[in-house]
Each structure stands twice: as C-alpha cells, then as structure tokens.
N, C-alpha and C. Protein backbone atom coordinates (compact mmCIF):
# COMPACT_ATOMS: atom_id res chain seq x y z
N ALA A 1 73.85 74.62 193.30
CA ALA A 1 74.32 75.52 192.42
C ALA A 1 73.13 75.46 191.01
N TRP A 2 72.45 76.49 190.73
CA TRP A 2 72.06 76.51 189.49
C TRP A 2 72.58 76.95 188.09
N ASP A 3 72.55 76.26 187.07
CA ASP A 3 73.11 77.02 186.33
C ASP A 3 72.05 77.63 185.07
N SER A 4 72.57 78.58 184.27
CA SER A 4 71.54 78.98 182.99
C SER A 4 70.66 78.49 182.59
N SER A 5 70.88 76.94 181.94
CA SER A 5 70.15 76.21 181.68
C SER A 5 69.01 75.70 182.32
N GLU A 6 69.40 76.07 183.75
CA GLU A 6 68.03 75.82 184.63
C GLU A 6 67.22 76.30 185.05
N PHE A 7 67.80 77.49 184.89
CA PHE A 7 66.95 78.98 185.20
C PHE A 7 65.88 79.04 184.14
N THR A 8 66.74 79.22 183.01
CA THR A 8 65.97 78.91 181.65
C THR A 8 64.68 78.32 181.42
N ASN A 9 65.02 76.91 182.00
CA ASN A 9 64.07 76.02 181.69
C ASN A 9 62.76 76.79 183.06
N LEU A 10 63.22 77.25 184.04
CA LEU A 10 62.23 77.39 185.07
C LEU A 10 61.69 78.63 184.19
N ILE A 11 62.00 79.80 184.23
CA ILE A 11 61.69 80.49 183.75
C ILE A 11 60.28 80.34 182.41
N SER A 12 60.80 79.32 181.04
CA SER A 12 60.20 78.70 180.23
C SER A 12 58.93 78.14 180.92
N SER A 13 59.07 77.19 181.43
CA SER A 13 58.18 76.60 182.41
C SER A 13 56.72 77.62 182.91
N GLU A 14 57.32 78.53 183.29
CA GLU A 14 56.18 79.53 184.12
C GLU A 14 55.49 80.60 182.97
N ILE A 15 56.62 80.88 182.00
CA ILE A 15 56.06 81.19 180.94
C ILE A 15 54.92 80.48 180.51
N GLU A 16 55.35 78.96 180.12
CA GLU A 16 53.73 78.14 179.47
C GLU A 16 52.93 77.63 179.97
N SER A 17 52.79 77.92 181.60
CA SER A 17 52.17 77.83 182.65
C SER A 17 51.41 78.88 182.60
N TYR A 18 51.97 80.50 182.44
CA TYR A 18 50.51 81.64 182.14
C TYR A 18 50.14 81.76 180.87
N ASN A 19 51.02 80.78 179.66
CA ASN A 19 50.05 81.40 178.38
C ASN A 19 48.61 80.52 178.60
N GLN A 20 48.92 79.38 179.58
CA GLN A 20 48.09 78.19 179.33
C GLN A 20 46.73 79.24 180.38
N LYS A 21 46.91 79.75 181.72
CA LYS A 21 46.27 79.93 182.39
C LYS A 21 45.04 80.86 181.45
N ILE A 22 46.05 82.12 180.82
CA ILE A 22 45.67 83.32 179.85
C ILE A 22 44.66 82.40 179.14
N ASP A 23 44.85 81.21 178.00
CA ASP A 23 44.17 80.69 177.14
C ASP A 23 43.13 80.43 178.36
N ILE A 24 43.11 79.41 179.35
CA ILE A 24 41.53 79.51 179.57
C ILE A 24 40.98 80.29 180.22
N LEU A 25 41.50 81.39 180.44
CA LEU A 25 40.32 82.94 181.14
C LEU A 25 40.28 83.44 180.06
N ASN A 26 40.96 83.16 178.23
CA ASN A 26 40.52 84.27 177.24
C ASN A 26 39.13 83.62 176.89
N SER A 27 39.03 82.19 177.18
CA SER A 27 38.09 80.84 176.53
C SER A 27 36.71 80.95 177.39
N LYS A 28 37.20 81.19 178.91
CA LYS A 28 36.28 81.72 179.73
C LYS A 28 35.57 82.85 179.59
N LEU A 29 36.08 84.27 179.04
CA LEU A 29 35.79 85.32 178.64
C LEU A 29 34.87 85.53 177.76
N TYR A 30 35.63 84.28 176.48
CA TYR A 30 34.96 84.90 175.37
C TYR A 30 33.26 83.90 175.50
N GLN A 31 33.74 82.69 176.17
CA GLN A 31 31.88 82.70 176.94
C GLN A 31 30.91 82.87 177.14
N LYS A 32 31.42 84.03 178.06
CA LYS A 32 30.58 84.91 178.67
C LYS A 32 30.15 86.05 177.94
N GLU A 33 31.23 86.47 177.66
CA GLU A 33 30.68 87.67 176.26
C GLU A 33 29.68 86.72 175.34
N THR A 34 29.38 86.03 174.93
CA THR A 34 28.98 85.43 173.84
C THR A 34 27.74 85.06 174.26
N ARG A 35 27.37 84.58 175.60
CA ARG A 35 26.19 84.35 176.70
C ARG A 35 25.70 85.99 176.44
N TYR A 36 26.39 87.03 176.89
CA TYR A 36 25.25 88.42 177.17
C TYR A 36 25.10 88.69 176.11
N TYR A 37 26.04 88.60 174.59
CA TYR A 37 25.36 89.27 173.35
C TYR A 37 24.02 88.54 173.03
N ALA A 38 23.62 87.18 173.35
CA ALA A 38 22.61 86.53 173.19
C ALA A 38 21.83 86.74 173.72
N LYS A 39 21.58 87.22 174.89
CA LYS A 39 21.14 88.14 176.39
C LYS A 39 20.12 89.33 175.89
N PHE A 40 21.48 90.15 175.34
CA PHE A 40 20.77 90.75 175.01
C PHE A 40 20.33 91.06 173.45
N ALA A 41 20.58 90.12 172.57
CA ALA A 41 19.78 90.51 171.26
C ALA A 41 18.59 89.93 171.88
N ALA A 42 18.34 89.22 172.83
CA ALA A 42 16.94 88.41 173.25
C ALA A 42 16.15 89.89 173.71
N LEU A 43 16.66 90.74 174.40
CA LEU A 43 16.29 91.54 175.06
C LEU A 43 15.76 92.35 174.37
N GLU A 44 16.49 92.91 173.08
CA GLU A 44 16.20 93.80 172.07
C GLU A 44 15.28 93.24 171.12
N ARG A 45 15.14 92.52 170.92
CA ARG A 45 14.26 91.86 170.12
C ARG A 45 12.55 92.22 170.92
N ALA A 46 12.64 91.83 171.92
CA ALA A 46 11.67 91.41 173.32
C ALA A 46 11.06 92.94 173.32
N LEU A 47 11.92 94.05 173.58
CA LEU A 47 11.61 95.50 173.60
C LEU A 47 10.93 95.81 172.10
N SER A 48 11.43 95.76 170.86
CA SER A 48 11.33 95.60 170.03
C SER A 48 9.40 95.22 169.44
N GLN A 49 9.21 94.22 170.04
CA GLN A 49 8.19 93.94 169.87
C GLN A 49 7.42 94.15 171.10
N MET A 50 7.59 95.00 172.26
CA MET A 50 6.73 95.58 172.79
C MET A 50 6.45 96.83 172.91
N ASN A 51 7.26 97.64 172.40
CA ASN A 51 6.99 98.72 171.01
C ASN A 51 5.96 98.48 170.00
N SER A 52 6.26 97.55 169.49
CA SER A 52 5.71 96.96 168.43
C SER A 52 3.78 96.75 168.79
N GLN A 53 3.75 96.53 169.88
CA GLN A 53 2.95 95.86 170.58
C GLN A 53 2.10 97.13 170.97
N GLY A 54 2.77 97.96 171.44
CA GLY A 54 2.51 99.66 172.83
C GLY A 54 1.97 100.34 170.88
N ALA A 55 2.38 100.29 170.46
CA ALA A 55 1.94 101.37 168.89
C ALA A 55 0.65 100.60 167.99
N TRP A 56 0.80 99.20 168.66
CA TRP A 56 -0.87 98.88 168.30
C TRP A 56 -1.70 99.35 168.81
N LEU A 57 -1.52 99.25 170.08
CA LEU A 57 -2.54 99.22 171.16
C LEU A 57 -2.91 100.90 171.21
N SER A 58 -1.93 101.81 170.92
CA SER A 58 -2.17 103.17 170.79
C SER A 58 -3.05 103.24 169.84
N ALA A 59 -2.80 102.93 168.74
CA ALA A 59 -3.85 103.22 167.13
C ALA A 59 -5.36 102.57 167.38
N GLN A 60 -5.55 101.54 168.02
CA GLN A 60 -6.58 101.18 168.44
C GLN A 60 -7.59 101.95 168.95
N THR A 61 -6.74 102.41 170.00
CA THR A 61 -7.94 103.15 171.13
C THR A 61 -7.86 104.55 170.69
N GLY A 62 -6.87 105.15 169.14
CA GLY A 62 -7.09 106.02 168.99
C GLY A 62 -6.59 107.48 169.48
N GLN A 63 -5.27 106.48 170.54
CA GLN A 63 -4.26 107.59 170.53
C GLN A 63 -2.90 108.06 170.12
N GLY A 64 -3.01 107.08 169.18
CA GLY A 64 -1.82 107.55 167.95
C GLY A 64 -1.47 108.80 167.69
N GLY A 65 0.49 108.51 166.67
CA GLY A 65 0.74 109.77 166.68
C GLY A 65 -0.09 110.42 166.00
C-alpha cells in the first residue's frame, strides 16, 4: 500500500525529471535559434553586398537609375 508521502515523492520526482527535460530542450532550442540568427545575418550581408555590386555594375554600364 502506498501512503501519501510516497505518492508525493513520486510526483515530485516526475516533475523534476520533466523540468530537466525542459531545460535540455530549451538549451537545444536556444542553440538552434542562435545558429539560425547567425546564418540569417550572413545571408543579409551577402544580399546587401550583391545589391551594392549590382548597383555599381549598372552605373558602370550606364544603366543606373
């Protein structure tokens, strides 16, 4: 037979286990988010550079706005 303290300890243990899993998943999410932000920033820089080069090329060929 279980008494209420054993049941409470079991629930507390399960909650702690879930909290640890949540912490691990949050950490993984943060790492992925950080990688995606870095990739996005690099993509934005590359796009900006490409646009600048395109504008320069248009100006050199007399096709500028």
